[in-house]
Amino acid sequence: MRKCVYAGSFDPPTNGHLWMIEKGAGLFDELVVAIGTNPEKGYMFSVDERAGMLRECTRGLDCVTVDSFRNKYLVDYAKVAGAGYILRGLRAQGDFDYERMMRYVNSDMDPGIITVFLMPPRELREISSSLVKGLVGPEGWEQAVSRYVPVAVLNRLVGRFRNARTG
């Protein structure tokens, strides 16, 4: 059984994340989408909210489960989860340099866990959670953001932004 972990902050999940999850689900018998948290980083959504969005977006992908981890190296989380693989995405040269370094560090920590890299299609390459968050706010933002996130995530963003303006 090939079990893999695909980790990120997913704040919020994007179409790029969903592409990685769908491809990972096709490559592995089980894919754990793991929300990593960094106590020094500020998030728009709580871990529970991000997990809910991910579960909604991956409904129908039976081999996908959503989990979270904190204060743990990804390779250690993968080992505890019983995964032999870590899935990572490469969008740009900077991603490649960083992910290559992390692959070697992870291998030093546990040579039995293999890192697998996927490159998203060109139209998803520039999408990031930071880009999405940066687009929220100005008039017409909903239409701009709708290109980059699943409907469930857009609905959550619209609700969050409306609550922030009326709260």
N, C-alpha and C. Protein backbone atom coordinates (compact mmCIF):
# COMPACT_ATOMS: atom_id res chain seq x y z
N MET A 1 0.84 -1.18 0.00
CA MET A 1 0.00 0.00 0.00
C MET A 1 0.89 1.24 0.00
N ARG A 2 0.70 2.10 -0.98
CA ARG A 2 1.49 3.32 -1.10
C ARG A 2 0.74 4.47 -0.45
N LYS A 3 1.27 4.93 0.70
CA LYS A 3 0.65 6.02 1.44
C LYS A 3 1.56 7.24 1.37
N CYS A 4 0.94 8.40 1.12
CA CYS A 4 1.69 9.63 0.89
C CYS A 4 1.11 10.77 1.73
N VAL A 5 1.96 11.70 2.10
CA VAL A 5 1.53 12.92 2.79
C VAL A 5 1.79 14.11 1.88
N TYR A 6 0.77 14.92 1.70
CA TYR A 6 0.89 16.21 1.00
C TYR A 6 0.58 17.28 2.03
N ALA A 7 1.59 18.05 2.42
CA ALA A 7 1.44 19.00 3.51
C ALA A 7 1.55 20.44 3.02
N GLY A 8 0.91 21.32 3.75
CA GLY A 8 0.97 22.75 3.49
C GLY A 8 0.17 23.49 4.53
N SER A 9 0.15 24.81 4.42
CA SER A 9 -0.67 25.59 5.35
C SER A 9 -2.10 25.69 4.83
N PHE A 10 -2.29 25.68 3.52
CA PHE A 10 -3.62 25.69 2.90
C PHE A 10 -4.48 26.83 3.45
N ASP A 11 -3.91 28.03 3.51
CA ASP A 11 -4.60 29.18 4.10
C ASP A 11 -4.78 30.29 3.08
N PRO A 12 -5.75 30.18 2.21
CA PRO A 12 -6.74 29.13 2.01
C PRO A 12 -6.28 28.14 0.94
N PRO A 13 -7.01 27.01 0.82
CA PRO A 13 -6.72 26.08 -0.27
C PRO A 13 -7.00 26.76 -1.62
N THR A 14 -6.16 26.45 -2.61
CA THR A 14 -6.30 27.03 -3.95
C THR A 14 -6.55 25.93 -4.97
N ASN A 15 -6.83 26.35 -6.20
CA ASN A 15 -6.96 25.38 -7.30
C ASN A 15 -5.65 24.64 -7.53
N GLY A 16 -4.53 25.29 -7.27
CA GLY A 16 -3.24 24.61 -7.38
C GLY A 16 -3.11 23.49 -6.37
N HIS A 17 -3.53 23.75 -5.13
CA HIS A 17 -3.54 22.69 -4.11
C HIS A 17 -4.45 21.54 -4.54
N LEU A 18 -5.62 21.89 -5.03
CA LEU A 18 -6.58 20.86 -5.43
C LEU A 18 -6.02 20.02 -6.58
N TRP A 19 -5.33 20.64 -7.51
CA TRP A 19 -4.70 19.90 -8.61
C TRP A 19 -3.69 18.89 -8.04
N MET A 20 -2.87 19.35 -7.09
CA MET A 20 -1.88 18.45 -6.47
C MET A 20 -2.57 17.29 -5.77
N ILE A 21 -3.64 17.59 -5.05
CA ILE A 21 -4.37 16.54 -4.32
C ILE A 21 -4.97 15.53 -5.29
N GLU A 22 -5.60 16.02 -6.36
CA GLU A 22 -6.20 15.10 -7.34
C GLU A 22 -5.15 14.23 -8.00
N LYS A 23 -4.02 14.81 -8.37
CA LYS A 23 -2.95 14.02 -8.99
C LYS A 23 -2.36 13.03 -7.99
N GLY A 24 -2.16 13.49 -6.75
CA GLY A 24 -1.64 12.61 -5.71
C GLY A 24 -2.58 11.44 -5.44
N ALA A 25 -3.88 11.72 -5.46
CA ALA A 25 -4.88 10.66 -5.24
C ALA A 25 -4.81 9.61 -6.34
N GLY A 26 -4.41 10.02 -7.54
CA GLY A 26 -4.27 9.08 -8.64
C GLY A 26 -2.98 8.28 -8.58
N LEU A 27 -2.00 8.79 -7.86
CA LEU A 27 -0.69 8.12 -7.80
C LEU A 27 -0.54 7.18 -6.61
N PHE A 28 -1.29 7.46 -5.54
CA PHE A 28 -1.09 6.72 -4.30
C PHE A 28 -2.38 6.04 -3.85
N ASP A 29 -2.23 4.97 -3.08
CA ASP A 29 -3.39 4.27 -2.55
C ASP A 29 -4.09 5.10 -1.47
N GLU A 30 -3.30 5.86 -0.73
CA GLU A 30 -3.84 6.73 0.31
C GLU A 30 -3.04 8.02 0.32
N LEU A 31 -3.75 9.14 0.37
CA LEU A 31 -3.12 10.46 0.41
C LEU A 31 -3.64 11.20 1.63
N VAL A 32 -2.73 11.57 2.51
CA VAL A 32 -3.07 12.36 3.69
C VAL A 32 -2.73 13.81 3.37
N VAL A 33 -3.73 14.66 3.35
CA VAL A 33 -3.52 16.09 3.19
C VAL A 33 -3.35 16.64 4.60
N ALA A 34 -2.14 17.07 4.92
CA ALA A 34 -1.80 17.45 6.28
C ALA A 34 -1.57 18.95 6.39
N ILE A 35 -2.34 19.57 7.25
CA ILE A 35 -2.23 21.01 7.49
C ILE A 35 -1.15 21.21 8.54
N GLY A 36 -0.06 21.83 8.13
CA GLY A 36 1.01 22.14 9.06
C GLY A 36 0.77 23.52 9.66
N THR A 37 1.08 23.67 10.93
CA THR A 37 0.90 24.97 11.58
C THR A 37 2.22 25.45 12.14
N ASN A 38 2.42 26.73 12.03
CA ASN A 38 3.60 27.39 12.55
C ASN A 38 3.12 28.44 13.55
N PRO A 39 3.45 28.30 14.82
CA PRO A 39 2.92 29.22 15.83
C PRO A 39 3.35 30.67 15.61
N GLU A 40 4.38 30.90 14.82
CA GLU A 40 4.85 32.26 14.57
C GLU A 40 4.19 32.89 13.34
N LYS A 41 3.35 32.16 12.67
CA LYS A 41 2.71 32.64 11.44
C LYS A 41 1.25 32.95 11.72
N GLY A 42 0.78 34.08 11.20
CA GLY A 42 -0.62 34.43 11.34
C GLY A 42 -1.43 33.82 10.21
N TYR A 43 -2.60 33.29 10.53
CA TYR A 43 -3.43 32.64 9.54
C TYR A 43 -4.77 33.35 9.43
N MET A 44 -5.34 33.34 8.23
CA MET A 44 -6.67 33.89 8.00
C MET A 44 -7.74 32.95 8.56
N PHE A 45 -7.50 31.65 8.39
CA PHE A 45 -8.47 30.64 8.82
C PHE A 45 -7.84 29.73 9.86
N SER A 46 -8.67 29.25 10.79
CA SER A 46 -8.20 28.29 11.79
C SER A 46 -7.91 26.95 11.11
N VAL A 47 -7.22 26.09 11.83
CA VAL A 47 -6.93 24.75 11.31
C VAL A 47 -8.24 24.03 11.01
N ASP A 48 -9.22 24.14 11.91
CA ASP A 48 -10.51 23.47 11.69
C ASP A 48 -11.21 24.00 10.45
N GLU A 49 -11.14 25.31 10.22
CA GLU A 49 -11.77 25.88 9.02
C GLU A 49 -11.06 25.40 7.75
N ARG A 50 -9.74 25.39 7.78
CA ARG A 50 -8.99 24.91 6.61
C ARG A 50 -9.27 23.44 6.37
N ALA A 51 -9.34 22.65 7.43
CA ALA A 51 -9.65 21.22 7.28
C ALA A 51 -11.04 21.04 6.68
N GLY A 52 -12.00 21.83 7.13
CA GLY A 52 -13.36 21.75 6.60
C GLY A 52 -13.40 22.08 5.12
N MET A 53 -12.68 23.14 4.71
CA MET A 53 -12.64 23.49 3.29
C MET A 53 -12.00 22.37 2.48
N LEU A 54 -10.90 21.82 2.98
CA LEU A 54 -10.23 20.74 2.26
C LEU A 54 -11.11 19.51 2.15
N ARG A 55 -11.82 19.17 3.21
CA ARG A 55 -12.72 18.01 3.15
C ARG A 55 -13.83 18.24 2.13
N GLU A 56 -14.37 19.46 2.11
CA GLU A 56 -15.42 19.75 1.14
C GLU A 56 -14.89 19.69 -0.28
N CYS A 57 -13.69 20.21 -0.50
CA CYS A 57 -13.11 20.22 -1.84
C CYS A 57 -12.68 18.85 -2.33
N THR A 58 -12.41 17.93 -1.40
CA THR A 58 -11.93 16.60 -1.80
C THR A 58 -13.00 15.53 -1.64
N ARG A 59 -14.22 15.95 -1.37
CA ARG A 59 -15.33 14.98 -1.28
C ARG A 59 -15.36 14.21 -2.60
N GLY A 60 -15.46 12.92 -2.51
CA GLY A 60 -15.46 12.09 -3.71
C GLY A 60 -14.11 11.47 -4.01
N LEU A 61 -13.06 11.96 -3.37
CA LEU A 61 -11.74 11.34 -3.51
C LEU A 61 -11.56 10.42 -2.30
N ASP A 62 -12.00 9.19 -2.45
CA ASP A 62 -12.09 8.26 -1.33
C ASP A 62 -10.76 7.96 -0.66
N CYS A 63 -9.67 8.07 -1.37
CA CYS A 63 -8.37 7.73 -0.78
C CYS A 63 -7.74 8.92 -0.04
N VAL A 64 -8.43 10.06 -0.01
CA VAL A 64 -7.88 11.27 0.61
C VAL A 64 -8.46 11.46 2.01
N THR A 65 -7.57 11.70 2.97
CA THR A 65 -7.97 12.10 4.32
C THR A 65 -7.29 13.41 4.64
N VAL A 66 -7.88 14.16 5.56
CA VAL A 66 -7.33 15.45 5.97
C VAL A 66 -6.95 15.36 7.44
N ASP A 67 -5.77 15.85 7.76
CA ASP A 67 -5.25 15.82 9.13
C ASP A 67 -4.45 17.11 9.35
N SER A 68 -3.91 17.27 10.54
CA SER A 68 -3.05 18.41 10.81
C SER A 68 -1.93 17.98 11.76
N PHE A 69 -0.88 18.77 11.77
CA PHE A 69 0.22 18.51 12.70
C PHE A 69 0.84 19.82 13.11
N ARG A 70 1.48 19.79 14.27
CA ARG A 70 2.07 21.00 14.83
C ARG A 70 3.38 20.63 15.52
N ASN A 71 4.35 21.52 15.37
CA ASN A 71 5.63 21.38 16.07
C ASN A 71 6.30 20.04 15.78
N LYS A 72 6.28 19.67 14.51
CA LYS A 72 6.86 18.40 14.09
C LYS A 72 7.44 18.59 12.69
N TYR A 73 8.57 17.99 12.44
CA TYR A 73 9.10 17.98 11.08
C TYR A 73 8.18 17.16 10.20
N LEU A 74 8.04 17.58 8.95
CA LEU A 74 7.17 16.87 8.03
C LEU A 74 7.57 15.41 7.89
N VAL A 75 8.84 15.13 7.80
CA VAL A 75 9.29 13.75 7.64
C VAL A 75 8.91 12.92 8.87
N ASP A 76 8.96 13.52 10.05
CA ASP A 76 8.55 12.82 11.27
C ASP A 76 7.05 12.58 11.28
N TYR A 77 6.28 13.58 10.82
CA TYR A 77 4.84 13.39 10.72
C TYR A 77 4.52 12.25 9.75
N ALA A 78 5.21 12.24 8.60
CA ALA A 78 4.98 11.18 7.60
C ALA A 78 5.26 9.81 8.22
N LYS A 79 6.33 9.70 8.98
CA LYS A 79 6.68 8.42 9.62
C LYS A 79 5.58 7.99 10.59
N VAL A 80 5.13 8.91 11.44
CA VAL A 80 4.07 8.60 12.40
C VAL A 80 2.77 8.22 11.67
N ALA A 81 2.50 8.87 10.54
CA ALA A 81 1.30 8.58 9.76
C ALA A 81 1.41 7.27 8.99
N GLY A 82 2.59 6.68 8.96
CA GLY A 82 2.79 5.44 8.24
C GLY A 82 2.95 5.62 6.74
N ALA A 83 3.37 6.83 6.34
CA ALA A 83 3.53 7.13 4.91
C ALA A 83 4.97 6.90 4.46
N GLY A 84 5.11 6.35 3.29
CA GLY A 84 6.44 6.14 2.71
C GLY A 84 6.83 7.23 1.73
N TYR A 85 5.90 8.19 1.50
CA TYR A 85 6.13 9.22 0.48
C TYR A 85 5.67 10.58 0.99
N ILE A 86 6.35 11.60 0.52
CA ILE A 86 5.96 12.99 0.72
C ILE A 86 5.77 13.59 -0.67
N LEU A 87 4.64 14.24 -0.88
CA LEU A 87 4.34 14.88 -2.16
C LEU A 87 4.57 16.38 -2.04
N ARG A 88 5.32 16.95 -2.99
CA ARG A 88 5.60 18.38 -2.99
C ARG A 88 5.40 18.94 -4.39
N GLY A 89 4.99 20.20 -4.45
CA GLY A 89 4.78 20.86 -5.72
C GLY A 89 5.91 21.81 -6.05
N LEU A 90 6.21 21.91 -7.33
CA LEU A 90 7.25 22.81 -7.83
C LEU A 90 6.62 23.79 -8.81
N ARG A 91 6.55 25.05 -8.43
CA ARG A 91 5.96 26.06 -9.32
C ARG A 91 7.01 26.88 -10.04
N ALA A 92 8.11 27.18 -9.36
CA ALA A 92 9.12 28.07 -9.92
C ALA A 92 10.51 27.62 -9.48
N GLN A 93 11.53 28.26 -10.02
CA GLN A 93 12.91 27.90 -9.70
C GLN A 93 13.18 27.98 -8.20
N GLY A 94 12.66 29.00 -7.53
CA GLY A 94 12.85 29.12 -6.09
C GLY A 94 12.28 27.94 -5.34
N ASP A 95 11.11 27.47 -5.78
CA ASP A 95 10.52 26.27 -5.17
C ASP A 95 11.46 25.08 -5.33
N PHE A 96 12.02 24.94 -6.54
CA PHE A 96 12.90 23.81 -6.81
C PHE A 96 14.11 23.83 -5.88
N ASP A 97 14.75 24.98 -5.75
CA ASP A 97 15.93 25.07 -4.90
C ASP A 97 15.60 24.73 -3.44
N TYR A 98 14.52 25.29 -2.93
CA TYR A 98 14.11 25.03 -1.55
C TYR A 98 13.71 23.56 -1.36
N GLU A 99 12.87 23.06 -2.24
CA GLU A 99 12.37 21.69 -2.09
C GLU A 99 13.48 20.65 -2.27
N ARG A 100 14.44 20.92 -3.13
CA ARG A 100 15.58 20.02 -3.28
C ARG A 100 16.37 19.94 -1.97
N MET A 101 16.61 21.10 -1.36
CA MET A 101 17.31 21.14 -0.08
C MET A 101 16.53 20.35 0.99
N MET A 102 15.22 20.58 1.06
CA MET A 102 14.39 19.90 2.06
C MET A 102 14.34 18.40 1.79
N ARG A 103 14.35 18.01 0.55
CA ARG A 103 14.35 16.58 0.21
C ARG A 103 15.58 15.91 0.79
N TYR A 104 16.74 16.57 0.67
CA TYR A 104 17.97 16.00 1.20
C TYR A 104 17.96 15.98 2.73
N VAL A 105 17.46 17.04 3.35
CA VAL A 105 17.36 17.08 4.81
C VAL A 105 16.42 15.97 5.29
N ASN A 106 15.26 15.85 4.64
CA ASN A 106 14.32 14.78 5.01
C ASN A 106 14.96 13.40 4.85
N SER A 107 15.71 13.23 3.79
CA SER A 107 16.38 11.94 3.55
C SER A 107 17.43 11.68 4.62
N ASP A 108 18.12 12.71 5.08
CA ASP A 108 19.07 12.54 6.17
C ASP A 108 18.35 12.07 7.44
N MET A 109 17.14 12.60 7.67
CA MET A 109 16.39 12.27 8.87
C MET A 109 15.73 10.90 8.77
N ASP A 110 15.28 10.55 7.55
CA ASP A 110 14.67 9.23 7.34
C ASP A 110 14.82 8.85 5.87
N PRO A 111 15.86 8.10 5.54
CA PRO A 111 16.10 7.75 4.13
C PRO A 111 15.03 6.84 3.53
N GLY A 112 14.15 6.28 4.36
CA GLY A 112 13.10 5.40 3.85
C GLY A 112 11.89 6.13 3.30
N ILE A 113 11.79 7.43 3.55
CA ILE A 113 10.65 8.21 3.05
C ILE A 113 11.08 8.95 1.79
N ILE A 114 10.37 8.72 0.71
CA ILE A 114 10.72 9.24 -0.61
C ILE A 114 9.90 10.49 -0.90
N THR A 115 10.57 11.53 -1.39
CA THR A 115 9.88 12.75 -1.80
C THR A 115 9.58 12.68 -3.29
N VAL A 116 8.33 12.96 -3.64
CA VAL A 116 7.87 12.96 -5.03
C VAL A 116 7.48 14.38 -5.39
N PHE A 117 7.97 14.88 -6.52
CA PHE A 117 7.67 16.24 -6.96
C PHE A 117 6.73 16.23 -8.16
N LEU A 118 5.78 17.15 -8.15
CA LEU A 118 4.90 17.36 -9.30
C LEU A 118 4.95 18.83 -9.69
N MET A 119 4.86 19.07 -10.98
CA MET A 119 4.79 20.45 -11.49
C MET A 119 3.39 20.70 -12.01
N PRO A 120 2.70 21.70 -11.46
CA PRO A 120 1.34 21.98 -11.93
C PRO A 120 1.36 22.54 -13.35
N PRO A 121 0.23 22.50 -14.03
CA PRO A 121 0.18 23.08 -15.37
C PRO A 121 0.40 24.59 -15.31
N ARG A 122 0.79 25.13 -16.42
CA ARG A 122 1.15 26.55 -16.53
C ARG A 122 0.10 27.48 -15.94
N GLU A 123 -1.18 27.20 -16.17
CA GLU A 123 -2.23 28.11 -15.71
C GLU A 123 -2.40 28.10 -14.19
N LEU A 124 -1.81 27.14 -13.50
CA LEU A 124 -1.90 27.09 -12.04
C LEU A 124 -0.58 27.46 -11.37
N ARG A 125 0.44 27.66 -12.14
CA ARG A 125 1.79 27.83 -11.62
C ARG A 125 1.94 29.03 -10.68
N GLU A 126 1.26 30.12 -10.98
CA GLU A 126 1.44 31.34 -10.20
C GLU A 126 0.51 31.45 -9.00
N ILE A 127 -0.39 30.50 -8.85
CA ILE A 127 -1.39 30.59 -7.78
C ILE A 127 -0.77 30.20 -6.44
N SER A 128 -1.00 31.04 -5.44
CA SER A 128 -0.58 30.74 -4.08
C SER A 128 -1.64 31.28 -3.13
N SER A 129 -1.64 30.77 -1.93
CA SER A 129 -2.56 31.28 -0.91
C SER A 129 -2.29 32.76 -0.64
N SER A 130 -1.03 33.16 -0.65
CA SER A 130 -0.69 34.57 -0.41
C SER A 130 -1.26 35.46 -1.51
N LEU A 131 -1.17 35.00 -2.77
CA LEU A 131 -1.76 35.76 -3.87
C LEU A 131 -3.25 35.94 -3.66
N VAL A 132 -3.93 34.86 -3.32
CA VAL A 132 -5.38 34.90 -3.11
C VAL A 132 -5.72 35.90 -2.01
N LYS A 133 -5.05 35.80 -0.87
CA LYS A 133 -5.34 36.71 0.24
C LYS A 133 -5.07 38.16 -0.15
N GLY A 134 -4.07 38.38 -0.97
CA GLY A 134 -3.75 39.74 -1.41
C GLY A 134 -4.79 40.34 -2.34
N LEU A 135 -5.57 39.49 -2.99
CA LEU A 135 -6.61 39.98 -3.91
C LEU A 135 -7.92 40.32 -3.21
N VAL A 136 -8.10 39.83 -2.00
CA VAL A 136 -9.36 40.03 -1.28
C VAL A 136 -9.47 41.47 -0.80
N GLY A 137 -10.64 42.07 -1.04
CA GLY A 137 -10.91 43.39 -0.48
C GLY A 137 -11.43 44.43 -1.46
N PRO A 138 -10.67 44.76 -2.50
CA PRO A 138 -11.14 45.81 -3.42
C PRO A 138 -12.43 45.41 -4.13
N GLU A 139 -13.13 46.39 -4.61
CA GLU A 139 -14.37 46.15 -5.33
C GLU A 139 -14.14 45.14 -6.46
N GLY A 140 -15.01 44.14 -6.52
CA GLY A 140 -14.93 43.12 -7.56
C GLY A 140 -13.96 41.99 -7.25
N TRP A 141 -13.45 41.94 -6.02
CA TRP A 141 -12.46 40.92 -5.67
C TRP A 141 -12.99 39.51 -5.83
N GLU A 142 -14.29 39.33 -5.59
CA GLU A 142 -14.86 37.97 -5.66
C GLU A 142 -14.65 37.36 -7.04
N GLN A 143 -14.84 38.16 -8.09
CA GLN A 143 -14.66 37.66 -9.45
C GLN A 143 -13.18 37.34 -9.71
N ALA A 144 -12.30 38.21 -9.24
CA ALA A 144 -10.87 37.97 -9.45
C ALA A 144 -10.42 36.70 -8.73
N VAL A 145 -10.85 36.51 -7.50
CA VAL A 145 -10.43 35.37 -6.69
C VAL A 145 -11.06 34.07 -7.18
N SER A 146 -12.25 34.15 -7.75
CA SER A 146 -12.97 32.93 -8.17
C SER A 146 -12.18 32.11 -9.19
N ARG A 147 -11.24 32.70 -9.87
CA ARG A 147 -10.41 31.98 -10.85
C ARG A 147 -9.38 31.08 -10.18
N TYR A 148 -9.08 31.37 -8.92
CA TYR A 148 -7.94 30.74 -8.27
C TYR A 148 -8.28 29.77 -7.15
N VAL A 149 -9.55 29.72 -6.75
CA VAL A 149 -9.92 28.85 -5.62
C VAL A 149 -11.17 28.04 -5.96
N PRO A 150 -11.33 26.87 -5.32
CA PRO A 150 -12.57 26.11 -5.47
C PRO A 150 -13.76 26.91 -4.92
N VAL A 151 -14.96 26.60 -5.38
CA VAL A 151 -16.17 27.32 -4.97
C VAL A 151 -16.34 27.32 -3.45
N ALA A 152 -16.09 26.19 -2.81
CA ALA A 152 -16.25 26.11 -1.35
C ALA A 152 -15.34 27.12 -0.64
N VAL A 153 -14.16 27.32 -1.16
CA VAL A 153 -13.21 28.26 -0.56
C VAL A 153 -13.66 29.70 -0.84
N LEU A 154 -14.12 29.96 -2.06
CA LEU A 154 -14.62 31.30 -2.38
C LEU A 154 -15.78 31.66 -1.45
N ASN A 155 -16.69 30.73 -1.25
CA ASN A 155 -17.83 30.99 -0.36
C ASN A 155 -17.36 31.32 1.05
N ARG A 156 -16.35 30.62 1.53
CA ARG A 156 -15.82 30.88 2.87
C ARG A 156 -15.12 32.24 2.92
N LEU A 157 -14.39 32.58 1.86
CA LEU A 157 -13.73 33.89 1.81
C LEU A 157 -14.76 35.02 1.79
N VAL A 158 -15.81 34.86 0.98
CA VAL A 158 -16.86 35.88 0.91
C VAL A 158 -17.50 36.05 2.28
N GLY A 159 -17.81 34.94 2.94
CA GLY A 159 -18.40 35.01 4.27
C GLY A 159 -17.47 35.68 5.27
N ARG A 160 -16.21 35.34 5.23
CA ARG A 160 -15.23 35.93 6.16
C ARG A 160 -15.09 37.42 5.93
N PHE A 161 -15.02 37.83 4.67
CA PHE A 161 -14.82 39.24 4.38
C PHE A 161 -16.07 40.05 4.73
N ARG A 162 -17.25 39.52 4.46
CA ARG A 162 -18.49 40.22 4.83
C ARG A 162 -18.62 40.35 6.33
N ASN A 163 -18.27 39.28 7.06
CA ASN A 163 -18.32 39.34 8.52
C ASN A 163 -17.33 40.36 9.07
N ALA A 164 -16.18 40.46 8.45
CA ALA A 164 -15.17 41.42 8.91
C ALA A 164 -15.64 42.86 8.70
N ARG A 165 -16.36 43.09 7.60
CA ARG A 165 -16.83 44.44 7.30
C ARG A 165 -18.03 44.84 8.16
N THR A 166 -18.87 43.85 8.53
CA THR A 166 -20.06 44.16 9.31
C THR A 166 -19.85 43.94 10.80
N GLY A 167 -18.78 43.25 11.17
CA GLY A 167 -18.52 42.92 12.57
C GLY A 167 -17.84 43.99 13.25
